Structures are given as structure tokens and as C-alpha cells.
Amino acid sequence: DCAYTIAGPMPQGVLWTLTVSDRDGRLPVNPAGRFGFTSLDAMTFGPAREVRISLGREVRPGDFVATTGVASLRLTLRLYSPTVATRAPGREQLPSVTPLGCEEEAG
């Protein structure tokens, strides 16, 4: 029931995928059929190719993944590049996850 933003740079020249699932690897079920983004379909901004991806139950503008039906949340970032195998990117070269808040259950 929480919302998050994943924002920041992605390593240059690297194919990447970001997948949203629950702790057991089940993908969210949503009308868009979207459970993540890749370097080929995510919007990027500026020379650092920064991404801004929102997650949550309430639709947000831009790149968004609805997390309806996911009891827990696991984000998996995969980087595909021969150079990443020899030298992993530092924290400053990767996006960060920022919590935006949680909805309280009506009761």
C-alpha cells in the first residue's frame, strides 16, 4: 500500500531491466500488464540519462508500475554489459528508491 519513486542515473552503455515483484517473485497484476521497465522503453532525462519511475496503487504521470495485489515489494535491477562484470557501478551511478508514503487501511 506504499508508493515509491526510483530516480537517478543508469550506467552508460548498459542494457538494464527493472522488475517489480513480490517476495516470492510473483509479478503485479494490473490493467496495463506492466511489471517493469527496460533501458529500451523507460524515459530518460539529461546527459546522465536519469530515470524517474513511480510505483504504487495510485496512477502517477510518466513511467509508472501499479503494485495492486502485491503484498510485499521486491525490485530487481539487472545490468547487462561486459564491462559491468569486471567493474560494478558505484552508488552514484545508480538510481535511488525514495518512499512517497503509505495508504492507511480503512477500518
Protein backbone atom coordinates (compact mmCIF):
# COMPACT_ATOMS: atom_id res chain seq x y z
CA ASP A 1 0.00 0.00 0.00
CA CYS A 2 3.03 2.30 -0.27
CA ALA A 3 4.26 4.44 -3.15
CA TYR A 4 7.88 4.90 -4.23
CA THR A 5 9.94 6.74 -6.80
CA ILE A 6 13.04 5.25 -8.38
CA ALA A 7 15.09 8.15 -9.72
CA GLY A 8 18.64 8.83 -10.80
CA PRO A 9 21.23 7.84 -13.37
CA MET A 10 21.67 4.48 -15.00
CA PRO A 11 25.13 3.28 -16.09
CA GLN A 12 26.01 4.50 -19.60
CA GLY A 13 26.08 1.96 -22.44
CA VAL A 14 24.39 -0.76 -20.40
CA LEU A 15 21.23 -2.68 -21.21
CA TRP A 16 19.19 -2.84 -18.00
CA THR A 17 15.87 -4.16 -16.74
CA LEU A 18 13.98 -3.16 -13.60
CA THR A 19 11.32 -5.62 -12.46
CA VAL A 20 8.71 -5.28 -9.71
CA SER A 21 7.56 -8.44 -7.94
CA ASP A 22 6.60 -9.68 -4.53
CA ARG A 23 8.98 -11.53 -2.21
CA ASP A 24 8.14 -14.83 -3.93
CA GLY A 25 8.77 -13.47 -7.44
CA ARG A 26 5.11 -13.04 -8.43
CA LEU A 27 4.54 -10.11 -10.79
CA PRO A 28 1.84 -7.49 -10.11
CA VAL A 29 -1.44 -7.88 -11.96
CA ASN A 30 -2.63 -4.59 -13.40
CA PRO A 31 -4.69 -3.41 -16.39
CA ALA A 32 -1.58 -2.17 -18.23
CA GLY A 33 0.17 -5.55 -17.91
CA ARG A 34 3.30 -3.63 -16.87
CA PHE A 35 5.67 -5.08 -14.27
CA GLY A 36 8.83 -3.12 -15.03
CA PHE A 37 10.87 -1.10 -17.49
CA THR A 38 13.98 -1.59 -19.60
CA SER A 39 16.64 0.71 -20.99
CA LEU A 40 14.77 0.48 -24.30
CA ASP A 41 11.38 1.72 -23.07
CA ALA A 42 11.97 3.92 -20.00
CA MET A 43 12.06 7.68 -20.44
CA THR A 44 15.44 9.19 -19.61
CA PHE A 45 16.38 12.78 -18.83
CA GLY A 46 19.54 14.82 -19.23
CA PRO A 47 23.10 13.84 -20.13
CA ALA A 48 23.26 11.32 -17.26
CA ARG A 49 20.23 9.51 -18.73
CA GLU A 50 18.38 9.68 -15.41
CA VAL A 51 15.20 7.68 -14.95
CA ARG A 52 12.13 8.53 -12.92
CA ILE A 53 9.85 5.54 -12.34
CA SER A 54 6.93 5.58 -9.90
CA LEU A 55 5.46 2.54 -8.14
CA GLY A 56 2.22 2.31 -6.16
CA ARG A 57 -1.51 1.79 -6.23
CA GLU A 58 -2.40 5.31 -7.40
CA VAL A 59 -1.52 6.12 -11.01
CA ARG A 60 1.18 8.77 -11.42
CA PRO A 61 2.30 10.57 -14.57
CA GLY A 62 5.31 9.32 -16.52
CA ASP A 63 6.80 5.86 -16.16
CA PHE A 64 4.64 4.01 -13.64
CA VAL A 65 4.09 0.45 -12.39
CA ALA A 66 0.89 -0.34 -10.49
CA THR A 67 1.58 -2.58 -7.50
CA THR A 68 -2.02 -3.69 -6.91
CA GLY A 69 -2.19 -7.20 -5.49
CA VAL A 70 1.45 -7.30 -4.38
CA ALA A 71 1.64 -7.89 -0.62
CA SER A 72 5.40 -7.35 -0.41
CA LEU A 73 7.68 -5.49 -2.80
CA ARG A 74 10.94 -6.59 -4.42
CA LEU A 75 12.77 -4.53 -7.03
CA THR A 76 15.27 -6.32 -9.22
CA LEU A 77 17.71 -4.29 -11.32
CA ARG A 78 19.68 -6.33 -13.85
CA LEU A 79 22.61 -4.82 -15.74
CA TYR A 80 23.80 -6.46 -18.97
CA SER A 81 27.26 -5.35 -20.09
CA PRO A 82 30.67 -6.98 -20.45
CA THR A 83 32.28 -4.08 -18.53
CA VAL A 84 29.88 -4.42 -15.57
CA ALA A 85 31.20 -7.95 -15.00
CA THR A 86 34.68 -6.57 -14.35
CA ARG A 87 33.76 -3.32 -12.60
CA ALA A 88 30.40 -2.85 -10.90
CA PRO A 89 28.93 0.68 -10.96
CA GLY A 90 29.17 2.76 -7.79
CA ARG A 91 26.13 4.03 -5.89
CA GLU A 92 26.42 7.43 -7.59
CA GLN A 93 25.91 5.69 -10.95
CA LEU A 94 22.63 4.03 -9.95
CA PRO A 95 19.14 5.36 -9.16
CA SER A 96 17.84 5.50 -5.60
CA VAL A 97 14.49 4.42 -4.16
CA THR A 98 12.52 7.09 -2.28
CA PRO A 99 9.37 6.25 -0.29
CA LEU A 100 6.49 8.64 -1.01
CA GLY A 101 4.13 7.44 1.73
CA CYS A 102 1.67 4.70 2.54
CA GLU A 103 -2.10 4.49 2.50
CA GLU A 104 -3.77 3.52 5.73
CA GLU A 105 -6.39 0.80 5.62
CA ALA A 106 -9.94 1.93 6.23
CA GLY A 107 -11.31 0.15 9.18
